[in-house]
PDB file of N, CA and C in Angstrom:
ATOM      1  N   MET A   1       7.487  15.435  -1.215  1.00  0.00           N
ATOM      2  CA  MET A   1       5.847  15.900  -1.436  1.00  0.00           C
ATOM      3  C   MET A   1       5.029  14.379  -1.946  1.00  0.00           C
ATOM      4  N   THR A   2       3.946  14.729  -0.993  1.00  0.00           N
ATOM      5  CA  THR A   2       3.324  13.497  -1.393  1.00  0.00           C
ATOM      6  C   THR A   2       2.177  13.656  -2.501  1.00  0.00           C
ATOM      7  N   GLY A   3       1.593  12.900  -3.601  1.00  0.00           N
ATOM      8  CA  GLY A   3       1.046  13.185  -4.597  1.00  0.00           C
ATOM      9  C   GLY A   3      -0.638  12.368  -3.994  1.00  0.00           C
ATOM     10  N   PRO A   4      -1.214  12.514  -5.035  1.00  0.00           N
ATOM     11  CA  PRO A   4      -2.685  12.393  -4.765  1.00  0.00           C
ATOM     12  C   PRO A   4      -3.184  10.716  -4.292  1.00  0.00           C
ATOM     13  N   ILE A   5      -2.150   9.870  -5.130  1.00  0.00           N
ATOM     14  CA  ILE A   5      -2.563   8.583  -5.085  1.00  0.00           C
ATOM     15  C   ILE A   5      -2.024   8.197  -3.661  1.00  0.00           C
ATOM     16  N   ALA A   6      -0.758   8.395  -3.189  1.00  0.00           N
ATOM     17  CA  ALA A   6      -0.316   7.907  -2.165  1.00  0.00           C
ATOM     18  C   ALA A   6      -0.924   8.880  -0.830  1.00  0.00           C
ATOM     19  N   THR A   7      -1.738   9.871  -0.780  1.00  0.00           N
ATOM     20  CA  THR A   7      -2.610  10.432   0.066  1.00  0.00           C
ATOM     21  C   THR A   7      -4.041   9.525  -0.251  1.00  0.00           C
ATOM     22  N   GLU A   8      -4.191   9.255  -0.657  1.00  0.00           N
ATOM     23  CA  GLU A   8      -5.393   8.017  -1.002  1.00  0.00           C
ATOM     24  C   GLU A   8      -5.163   7.375   0.037  1.00  0.00           C
ATOM     25  N   ILE A   9      -4.210   6.141  -0.583  1.00  0.00           N
ATOM     26  CA  ILE A   9      -3.722   4.994   0.031  1.00  0.00           C
ATOM     27  C   ILE A   9      -3.594   5.177   1.347  1.00  0.00           C
ATOM     28  N   GLU A  10      -3.096   5.634   1.814  1.00  0.00           N
ATOM     29  CA  GLU A  10      -2.789   6.623   3.384  1.00  0.00           C
ATOM     30  C   GLU A  10      -4.517   6.801   4.052  1.00  0.00           C
ATOM     31  N   ALA A  11      -5.081   7.503   3.503  1.00  0.00           N
ATOM     32  CA  ALA A  11      -6.525   7.474   4.167  1.00  0.00           C
ATOM     33  C   ALA A  11      -7.221   6.197   3.883  1.00  0.00           C
ATOM     34  N   LEU A  12      -7.392   5.590   3.074  1.00  0.00           N
ATOM     35  CA  LEU A  12      -8.040   4.275   3.084  1.00  0.00           C
ATOM     36  C   LEU A  12      -7.492   3.374   3.884  1.00  0.00           C
ATOM     37  N   LEU A  13      -6.305   3.077   4.277  1.00  0.00           N
ATOM     38  CA  LEU A  13      -5.493   2.311   4.905  1.00  0.00           C
ATOM     39  C   LEU A  13      -5.566   2.826   6.505  1.00  0.00           C
ATOM     40  N   ASN A  14      -5.815   4.136   6.879  1.00  0.00           N
ATOM     41  CA  ASN A  14      -6.228   4.532   7.847  1.00  0.00           C
ATOM     42  C   ASN A  14      -7.448   4.337   8.562  1.00  0.00           C
ATOM     43  N   GLN A  15      -8.247   4.573   7.782  1.00  0.00           N
ATOM     44  CA  GLN A  15      -9.994   4.505   7.798  1.00  0.00           C
ATOM     45  C   GLN A  15     -10.134   2.850   7.921  1.00  0.00           C
ATOM     46  N   ALA A  16      -9.486   2.110   7.299  1.00  0.00           N
ATOM     47  CA  ALA A  16      -9.840   0.703   7.550  1.00  0.00           C
ATOM     48  C   ALA A  16      -9.112  -0.076   8.776  1.00  0.00           C
ATOM     49  N   PHE A  17      -7.807   0.056   9.070  1.00  0.00           N
ATOM     50  CA  PHE A  17      -7.242  -0.650   9.853  1.00  0.00           C
ATOM     51  C   PHE A  17      -6.841   0.065  11.292  1.00  0.00           C
ATOM     52  N   SER A  18      -6.795   1.355  11.461  1.00  0.00           N
ATOM     53  CA  SER A  18      -6.183   1.968  12.657  1.00  0.00           C
ATOM     54  C   SER A  18      -5.104   1.991  13.024  1.00  0.00           C
ATOM     55  N   PRO A  19      -4.093   1.700  11.706  1.00  0.00           N
ATOM     56  CA  PRO A  19      -2.765   1.179  12.193  1.00  0.00           C
ATOM     57  C   PRO A  19      -1.849   2.277  13.133  1.00  0.00           C
ATOM     58  N   ILE A  20      -1.014   1.302  13.987  1.00  0.00           N
ATOM     59  CA  ILE A  20       0.044   1.763  14.779  1.00  0.00           C
ATOM     60  C   ILE A  20       1.175   2.529  14.043  1.00  0.00           C
ATOM     61  N   HIS A  21       1.220   1.776  13.109  1.00  0.00           N
ATOM     62  CA  HIS A  21       2.389   2.121  12.099  1.00  0.00           C
ATOM     63  C   HIS A  21       1.808   2.047  10.469  1.00  0.00           C
ATOM     64  N   LEU A  22       2.247   3.220   9.987  1.00  0.00           N
ATOM     65  CA  LEU A  22       1.727   3.033   8.385  1.00  0.00           C
ATOM     66  C   LEU A  22       2.622   3.900   7.527  1.00  0.00           C
ATOM     67  N   ALA A  23       3.451   3.622   6.583  1.00  0.00           N
ATOM     68  CA  ALA A  23       4.435   4.133   5.721  1.00  0.00           C
ATOM     69  C   ALA A  23       3.595   3.781   4.184  1.00  0.00           C
ATOM     70  N   VAL A  24       3.796   4.867   3.482  1.00  0.00           N
ATOM     71  CA  VAL A  24       3.102   4.540   2.223  1.00  0.00           C
ATOM     72  C   VAL A  24       4.441   5.459   1.487  1.00  0.00           C
ATOM     73  N   ILE A  25       5.152   4.510   0.792  1.00  0.00           N
ATOM     74  CA  ILE A  25       6.646   4.770   0.178  1.00  0.00           C
ATOM     75  C   ILE A  25       6.307   4.441  -1.577  1.00  0.00           C
ATOM     76  N   ASN A  26       6.613   5.953  -1.900  1.00  0.00           N
ATOM     77  CA  ASN A  26       6.664   6.069  -3.321  1.00  0.00           C
ATOM     78  C   ASN A  26       8.143   5.481  -3.913  1.00  0.00           C
ATOM     79  N   ASP A  27       7.986   4.346  -4.641  1.00  0.00           N
ATOM     80  CA  ASP A  27       9.005   3.889  -5.184  1.00  0.00           C
ATOM     81  C   ASP A  27       9.079   4.104  -6.924  1.00  0.00           C
ATOM     82  N   SER A  28       8.287   4.841  -7.559  1.00  0.00           N
ATOM     83  CA  SER A  28       8.038   4.914  -8.915  1.00  0.00           C
ATOM     84  C   SER A  28       9.369   5.625  -9.594  1.00  0.00           C
ATOM     85  N   ALA A  29      10.202   6.380  -8.880  1.00  0.00           N
ATOM     86  CA  ALA A  29      11.179   7.032  -9.294  1.00  0.00           C
ATOM     87  C   ALA A  29      12.323   5.697  -9.879  1.00  0.00           C
ATOM     88  N   ARG A  30      12.352   4.788  -8.969  1.00  0.00           N
ATOM     89  CA  ARG A  30      13.306   3.580  -9.465  1.00  0.00           C
ATOM     90  C   ARG A  30      13.206   3.120 -10.459  1.00  0.00           C
ATOM     91  N   HIS A  31      11.471   2.853 -10.991  1.00  0.00           N
ATOM     92  CA  HIS A  31      11.287   2.162 -11.960  1.00  0.00           C
ATOM     93  C   HIS A  31      10.856   2.891 -13.241  1.00  0.00           C
ATOM     94  N   HIS A  32      11.267   4.192 -13.417  1.00  0.00           N
ATOM     95  CA  HIS A  32      11.029   5.222 -14.446  1.00  0.00           C
ATOM     96  C   HIS A  32      11.652   4.600 -15.564  1.00  0.00           C
ATOM     97  N   GLY A  33      10.985   4.597 -16.635  1.00  0.00           N
ATOM     98  CA  GLY A  33      11.261   4.062 -18.032  1.00  0.00           C
ATOM     99  C   GLY A  33      11.106   2.597 -18.124  1.00  0.00           C
ATOM    100  N   HIS A  34      10.448   1.884 -17.076  1.00  0.00           N
ATOM    101  CA  HIS A  34      10.263   0.195 -17.104  1.00  0.00           C
ATOM    102  C   HIS A  34       8.720  -0.191 -17.229  1.00  0.00           C
ATOM    103  N   SER A  35       8.627  -1.137 -17.830  1.00  0.00           N
ATOM    104  CA  SER A  35       6.880  -1.412 -17.706  1.00  0.00           C
ATOM    105  C   SER A  35       6.203  -1.086 -16.607  1.00  0.00           C
ATOM    106  N   GLY A  36       5.172  -0.344 -16.827  1.00  0.00           N
ATOM    107  CA  GLY A  36       4.136   0.186 -15.699  1.00  0.00           C
ATOM    108  C   GLY A  36       4.371   1.413 -15.467  1.00  0.00           C
ATOM    109  N   ASP A  37       5.490   2.001 -15.868  1.00  0.00           N
ATOM    110  CA  ASP A  37       5.729   3.442 -15.519  1.00  0.00           C
ATOM    111  C   ASP A  37       4.945   4.435 -16.593  1.00  0.00           C
ATOM    112  N   ASP A  38       3.800   4.905 -15.784  1.00  0.00           N
ATOM    113  CA  ASP A  38       2.700   5.717 -16.553  1.00  0.00           C
ATOM    114  C   ASP A  38       2.840   6.889 -16.957  1.00  0.00           C
ATOM    115  N   GLY A  39       4.493   7.382 -16.242  1.00  0.00           N
ATOM    116  CA  GLY A  39       4.614   9.231 -16.157  1.00  0.00           C
ATOM    117  C   GLY A  39       4.241   9.892 -15.425  1.00  0.00           C
ATOM    118  N   SER A  40       3.466   9.409 -14.260  1.00  0.00           N
ATOM    119  CA  SER A  40       2.242   9.711 -13.277  1.00  0.00           C
ATOM    120  C   SER A  40       3.546  10.062 -12.061  1.00  0.00           C
ATOM    121  N   GLY A  41       4.490   9.551 -12.066  1.00  0.00           N
ATOM    122  CA  GLY A  41       5.183   9.345 -10.616  1.00  0.00           C
ATOM    123  C   GLY A  41       4.821   8.693  -9.719  1.00  0.00           C
ATOM    124  N   GLU A  42       3.407   8.167  -9.669  1.00  0.00           N
ATOM    125  CA  GLU A  42       2.758   7.351  -8.945  1.00  0.00           C
ATOM    126  C   GLU A  42       2.187   5.831  -9.204  1.00  0.00           C
ATOM    127  N   SER A  43       3.318   5.508  -9.613  1.00  0.00           N
ATOM    128  CA  SER A  43       2.808   4.111 -10.476  1.00  0.00           C
ATOM    129  C   SER A  43       3.586   2.761  -9.102  1.00  0.00           C
ATOM    130  N   HIS A  44       4.224   2.965  -8.786  1.00  0.00           N
ATOM    131  CA  HIS A  44       5.121   1.837  -7.781  1.00  0.00           C
ATOM    132  C   HIS A  44       5.037   2.506  -6.304  1.00  0.00           C
ATOM    133  N   PHE A  45       4.512   1.507  -5.540  1.00  0.00           N
ATOM    134  CA  PHE A  45       4.672   1.772  -4.090  1.00  0.00           C
ATOM    135  C   PHE A  45       4.877   0.715  -3.281  1.00  0.00           C
ATOM    136  N   THR A  46       5.437   0.776  -1.824  1.00  0.00           N
ATOM    137  CA  THR A  46       5.412  -0.287  -1.050  1.00  0.00           C
ATOM    138  C   THR A  46       4.769   0.424   0.163  1.00  0.00           C
ATOM    139  N   VAL A  47       3.918  -0.459   0.904  1.00  0.00           N
ATOM    140  CA  VAL A  47       3.052  -0.059   2.129  1.00  0.00           C
ATOM    141  C   VAL A  47       3.699  -0.673   3.131  1.00  0.00           C
ATOM    142  N   GLU A  48       4.094  -0.290   4.116  1.00  0.00           N
ATOM    143  CA  GLU A  48       4.453  -0.958   5.440  1.00  0.00           C
ATOM    144  C   GLU A  48       3.565  -0.429   6.312  1.00  0.00           C
ATOM    145  N   ILE A  49       2.539  -1.393   7.271  1.00  0.00           N
ATOM    146  CA  ILE A  49       1.485  -1.276   7.854  1.00  0.00           C
ATOM    147  C   ILE A  49       1.812  -2.258   9.059  1.00  0.00           C
ATOM    148  N   GLU A  50       1.126  -1.697  10.351  1.00  0.00           N
ATOM    149  CA  GLU A  50       1.208  -2.754  11.496  1.00  0.00           C
ATOM    150  C   GLU A  50      -0.354  -2.232  11.914  1.00  0.00           C
ATOM    151  N   SER A  51      -0.926  -3.223  12.188  1.00  0.00           N
ATOM    152  CA  SER A  51      -2.483  -3.212  12.968  1.00  0.00           C
ATOM    153  C   SER A  51      -2.761  -4.357  13.667  1.00  0.00           C
ATOM    154  N   ALA A  52      -3.588  -4.219  14.807  1.00  0.00           N
ATOM    155  CA  ALA A  52      -4.044  -5.327  15.437  1.00  0.00           C
ATOM    156  C   ALA A  52      -4.632  -5.963  14.594  1.00  0.00           C
ATOM    157  N   ALA A  53      -5.698  -5.410  13.360  1.00  0.00           N
ATOM    158  CA  ALA A  53      -6.597  -6.092  12.860  1.00  0.00           C
ATOM    159  C   ALA A  53      -6.127  -7.349  11.839  1.00  0.00           C
ATOM    160  N   PHE A  54      -4.337  -7.538  12.170  1.00  0.00           N
ATOM    161  CA  PHE A  54      -3.883  -8.450  11.462  1.00  0.00           C
ATOM    162  C   PHE A  54      -3.587  -9.821  11.988  1.00  0.00           C
ATOM    163  N   ALA A  55      -3.838  -9.358  13.606  1.00  0.00           N
ATOM    164  CA  ALA A  55      -3.466 -10.690  14.423  1.00  0.00           C
ATOM    165  C   ALA A  55      -4.157 -11.814  13.821  1.00  0.00           C
ATOM    166  N   GLY A  56      -3.588 -13.022  13.940  1.00  0.00           N
ATOM    167  CA  GLY A  56      -3.701 -14.103  13.658  1.00  0.00           C
ATOM    168  C   GLY A  56      -4.214 -14.409  12.180  1.00  0.00           C
ATOM    169  N   LYS A  57      -3.525 -13.675  11.164  1.00  0.00           N
ATOM    170  CA  LYS A  57      -3.833 -13.745  10.015  1.00  0.00           C
ATOM    171  C   LYS A  57      -2.685 -14.008   8.891  1.00  0.00           C
ATOM    172  N   SER A  58      -2.786 -14.943   7.788  1.00  0.00           N
ATOM    173  CA  SER A  58      -1.845 -15.330   7.360  1.00  0.00           C
ATOM    174  C   SER A  58      -1.079 -14.009   6.686  1.00  0.00           C
ATOM    175  N   ARG A  59      -0.046 -14.046   6.027  1.00  0.00           N
ATOM    176  CA  ARG A  59       0.687 -13.556   5.431  1.00  0.00           C
ATOM    177  C   ARG A  59      -0.432 -12.884   3.774  1.00  0.00           C
ATOM    178  N   LEU A  60      -0.659 -14.305   3.498  1.00  0.00           N
ATOM    179  CA  LEU A  60      -1.684 -13.856   2.181  1.00  0.00           C
ATOM    180  C   LEU A  60      -2.970 -13.176   2.693  1.00  0.00           C
ATOM    181  N   GLU A  61      -3.859 -13.416   3.790  1.00  0.00           N
ATOM    182  CA  GLU A  61      -4.800 -12.820   4.354  1.00  0.00           C
ATOM    183  C   GLU A  61      -4.567 -11.193   4.272  1.00  0.00           C
ATOM    184  N   ARG A  62      -3.486 -11.362   5.261  1.00  0.00           N
ATOM    185  CA  ARG A  62      -3.038  -9.728   5.200  1.00  0.00           C
ATOM    186  C   ARG A  62      -3.015  -9.065   4.254  1.00  0.00           C
ATOM    187  N   GLN A  63      -2.339  -9.299   3.142  1.00  0.00           N
ATOM    188  CA  GLN A  63      -2.338  -8.844   1.730  1.00  0.00           C
ATOM    189  C   GLN A  63      -3.638  -8.748   0.925  1.00  0.00           C
ATOM    190  N   ARG A  64      -4.570  -9.689   1.316  1.00  0.00           N
ATOM    191  CA  ARG A  64      -5.807  -9.265   0.602  1.00  0.00           C
ATOM    192  C   ARG A  64      -6.656  -8.505   1.772  1.00  0.00           C
ATOM    193  N   MET A  65      -6.701  -8.156   2.490  1.00  0.00           N
ATOM    194  CA  MET A  65      -7.025  -7.470   3.401  1.00  0.00           C
ATOM    195  C   MET A  65      -6.764  -5.992   3.056  1.00  0.00           C
ATOM    196  N   VAL A  66      -5.644  -5.639   2.845  1.00  0.00           N
ATOM    197  CA  VAL A  66      -4.918  -4.266   2.047  1.00  0.00           C
ATOM    198  C   VAL A  66      -5.653  -4.474   0.753  1.00  0.00           C
ATOM    199  N   ILE A  67      -5.567  -5.271   0.111  1.00  0.00           N
ATOM    200  CA  ILE A  67      -5.716  -4.721  -1.530  1.00  0.00           C
ATOM    201  C   ILE A  67      -7.378  -4.457  -1.687  1.00  0.00           C
ATOM    202  N   THR A  68      -8.074  -5.056  -0.643  1.00  0.00           N
ATOM    203  CA  THR A  68      -9.307  -5.071  -0.723  1.00  0.00           C
ATOM    204  C   THR A  68     -10.005  -3.568   0.050  1.00  0.00           C
ATOM    205  N   ALA A  69      -8.995  -2.841   0.912  1.00  0.00           N
ATOM    206  CA  ALA A  69      -9.352  -1.749   1.378  1.00  0.00           C
ATOM    207  C   ALA A  69      -9.099  -0.411   0.494  1.00  0.00           C
ATOM    208  N   LEU A  70      -7.836  -0.843  -0.584  1.00  0.00           N
ATOM    209  CA  LEU A  70      -7.600  -0.116  -1.530  1.00  0.00           C
ATOM    210  C   LEU A  70      -8.746  -0.087  -2.822  1.00  0.00           C
ATOM    211  N   GLY A  71      -9.597  -1.071  -2.883  1.00  0.00           N
ATOM    212  CA  GLY A  71      -9.939  -0.672  -3.960  1.00  0.00           C
ATOM    213  C   GLY A  71      -9.843  -0.935  -5.265  1.00  0.00           C
ATOM    214  N   ASP A  72      -9.781   0.252  -6.326  1.00  0.00           N
ATOM    215  CA  ASP A  72      -9.440  -0.019  -7.497  1.00  0.00           C
ATOM    216  C   ASP A  72      -7.840   0.373  -7.532  1.00  0.00           C
ATOM    217  N   ILE A  73      -7.367   0.848  -6.758  1.00  0.00           N
ATOM    218  CA  ILE A  73      -5.914   1.223  -6.829  1.00  0.00           C
ATOM    219  C   ILE A  73      -5.042   0.332  -7.059  1.00  0.00           C
ATOM    220  N   PRO A  74      -4.911  -0.917  -6.483  1.00  0.00           N
ATOM    221  CA  PRO A  74      -3.937  -1.756  -7.015  1.00  0.00           C
ATOM    222  C   PRO A  74      -4.305  -2.555  -7.959  1.00  0.00           C
ATOM    223  N   GLY A  75      -3.404  -2.509  -9.332  1.00  0.00           N
ATOM    224  CA  GLY A  75      -3.697  -2.972 -10.377  1.00  0.00           C
ATOM    225  C   GLY A  75      -4.377  -2.194 -11.499  1.00  0.00           C
ATOM    226  N   GLN A  76      -4.894  -1.286 -11.070  1.00  0.00           N
ATOM    227  CA  GLN A  76      -5.842  -0.442 -12.296  1.00  0.00           C
ATOM    228  C   GLN A  76      -4.902   1.045 -11.972  1.00  0.00           C
ATOM    229  N   ARG A  77      -5.147   1.753 -11.073  1.00  0.00           N
ATOM    230  CA  ARG A  77      -4.402   3.240 -10.864  1.00  0.00           C
ATOM    231  C   ARG A  77      -2.932   3.139 -10.603  1.00  0.00           C
ATOM    232  N   VAL A  78      -2.755   1.588  -9.811  1.00  0.00           N
ATOM    233  CA  VAL A  78      -0.914   1.763  -9.485  1.00  0.00           C
ATOM    234  C   VAL A  78      -0.531   0.427 -10.246  1.00  0.00           C
ATOM    235  N   HIS A  79       0.495   0.319 -10.521  1.00  0.00           N
ATOM    236  CA  HIS A  79       1.322  -0.885 -11.340  1.00  0.00           C
ATOM    237  C   HIS A  79       1.559  -2.048 -10.313  1.00  0.00           C
ATOM    238  N   ALA A  80       2.224  -1.356  -9.487  1.00  0.00           N
ATOM    239  CA  ALA A  80       2.881  -2.331  -8.537  1.00  0.00           C
ATOM    240  C   ALA A  80       2.927  -1.671  -7.104  1.00  0.00           C
ATOM    241  N   LEU A  81       2.010  -2.935  -6.038  1.00  0.00           N
ATOM    242  CA  LEU A  81       2.155  -2.477  -5.004  1.00  0.00           C
ATOM    243  C   LEU A  81       2.875  -3.420  -4.050  1.00  0.00           C
ATOM    244  N   ALA A  82       4.060  -3.226  -3.295  1.00  0.00           N
ATOM    245  CA  ALA A  82       4.438  -4.000  -2.060  1.00  0.00           C
ATOM    246  C   ALA A  82       3.636  -3.899  -1.121  1.00  0.00           C
ATOM    247  N   ILE A  83       3.101  -4.940  -0.170  1.00  0.00           N
ATOM    248  CA  ILE A  83       2.671  -5.017   1.538  1.00  0.00           C
ATOM    249  C   ILE A  83       3.744  -5.546   2.351  1.00  0.00           C
ATOM    250  N   LYS A  84       4.076  -4.697   3.227  1.00  0.00           N
ATOM    251  CA  LYS A  84       4.586  -5.559   4.346  1.00  0.00           C
ATOM    252  C   LYS A  84       3.505  -5.153   5.473  1.00  0.00           C
ATOM    253  N   ALA A  85       2.867  -6.060   5.808  1.00  0.00           N
ATOM    254  CA  ALA A  85       1.643  -6.341   6.753  1.00  0.00           C
ATOM    255  C   ALA A  85       2.019  -7.135   7.818  1.00  0.00           C
ATOM    256  N   GLN A  86       2.019  -6.190   9.172  1.00  0.00           N
ATOM    257  CA  GLN A  86       1.998  -7.196  10.343  1.00  0.00           C
ATOM    258  C   GLN A  86       1.274  -6.968  11.674  1.00  0.00           C
ATOM    259  N   ALA A  87       1.089  -7.431  12.512  1.00  0.00           N
ATOM    260  CA  ALA A  87       0.404  -7.541  13.407  1.00  0.00           C
ATOM    261  C   ALA A  87       1.066  -6.677  14.805  1.00  0.00           C
ATOM    262  N   PRO A  88       0.614  -5.986  15.695  1.00  0.00           N
ATOM    263  CA  PRO A  88       1.757  -5.503  16.755  1.00  0.00           C
ATOM    264  C   PRO A  88       2.594  -6.618  17.507  1.00  0.00           C
ATOM    265  N   GLU A  89       3.895  -6.463  17.869  1.00  0.00           N
ATOM    266  CA  GLU A  89       4.723  -7.328  18.386  1.00  0.00           C
ATOM    267  C   GLU A  89       5.179  -8.705  17.989  1.00  0.00           C
ATOM    268  N   GLU A  90       5.048  -8.162  16.660  1.00  0.00           N
ATOM    269  CA  GLU A  90       5.599  -9.050  15.210  1.00  0.00           C
ATOM    270  C   GLU A  90       7.005  -8.804  15.043  1.00  0.00           C
TER     271      GLU A  90
END
């Protein structure tokens, strides 16, 4: 079952990047009881995204693009976000 934050992350990234591949993985259960676990079950995520928008961009530029597209989610509504962004054919 996907929670509201995961659903919002997916919608925002689909809108911003029209990805070929997108996976929003909730890692929160692995961090239960640790720092940053707010008890919501949606505190830690991994995003795997493949989009032509990342072609010619560095790893840092790609991460900044994703964070910008997600607005206040990273760091405010989600404690941790791992980003694996790549261009097609990588």
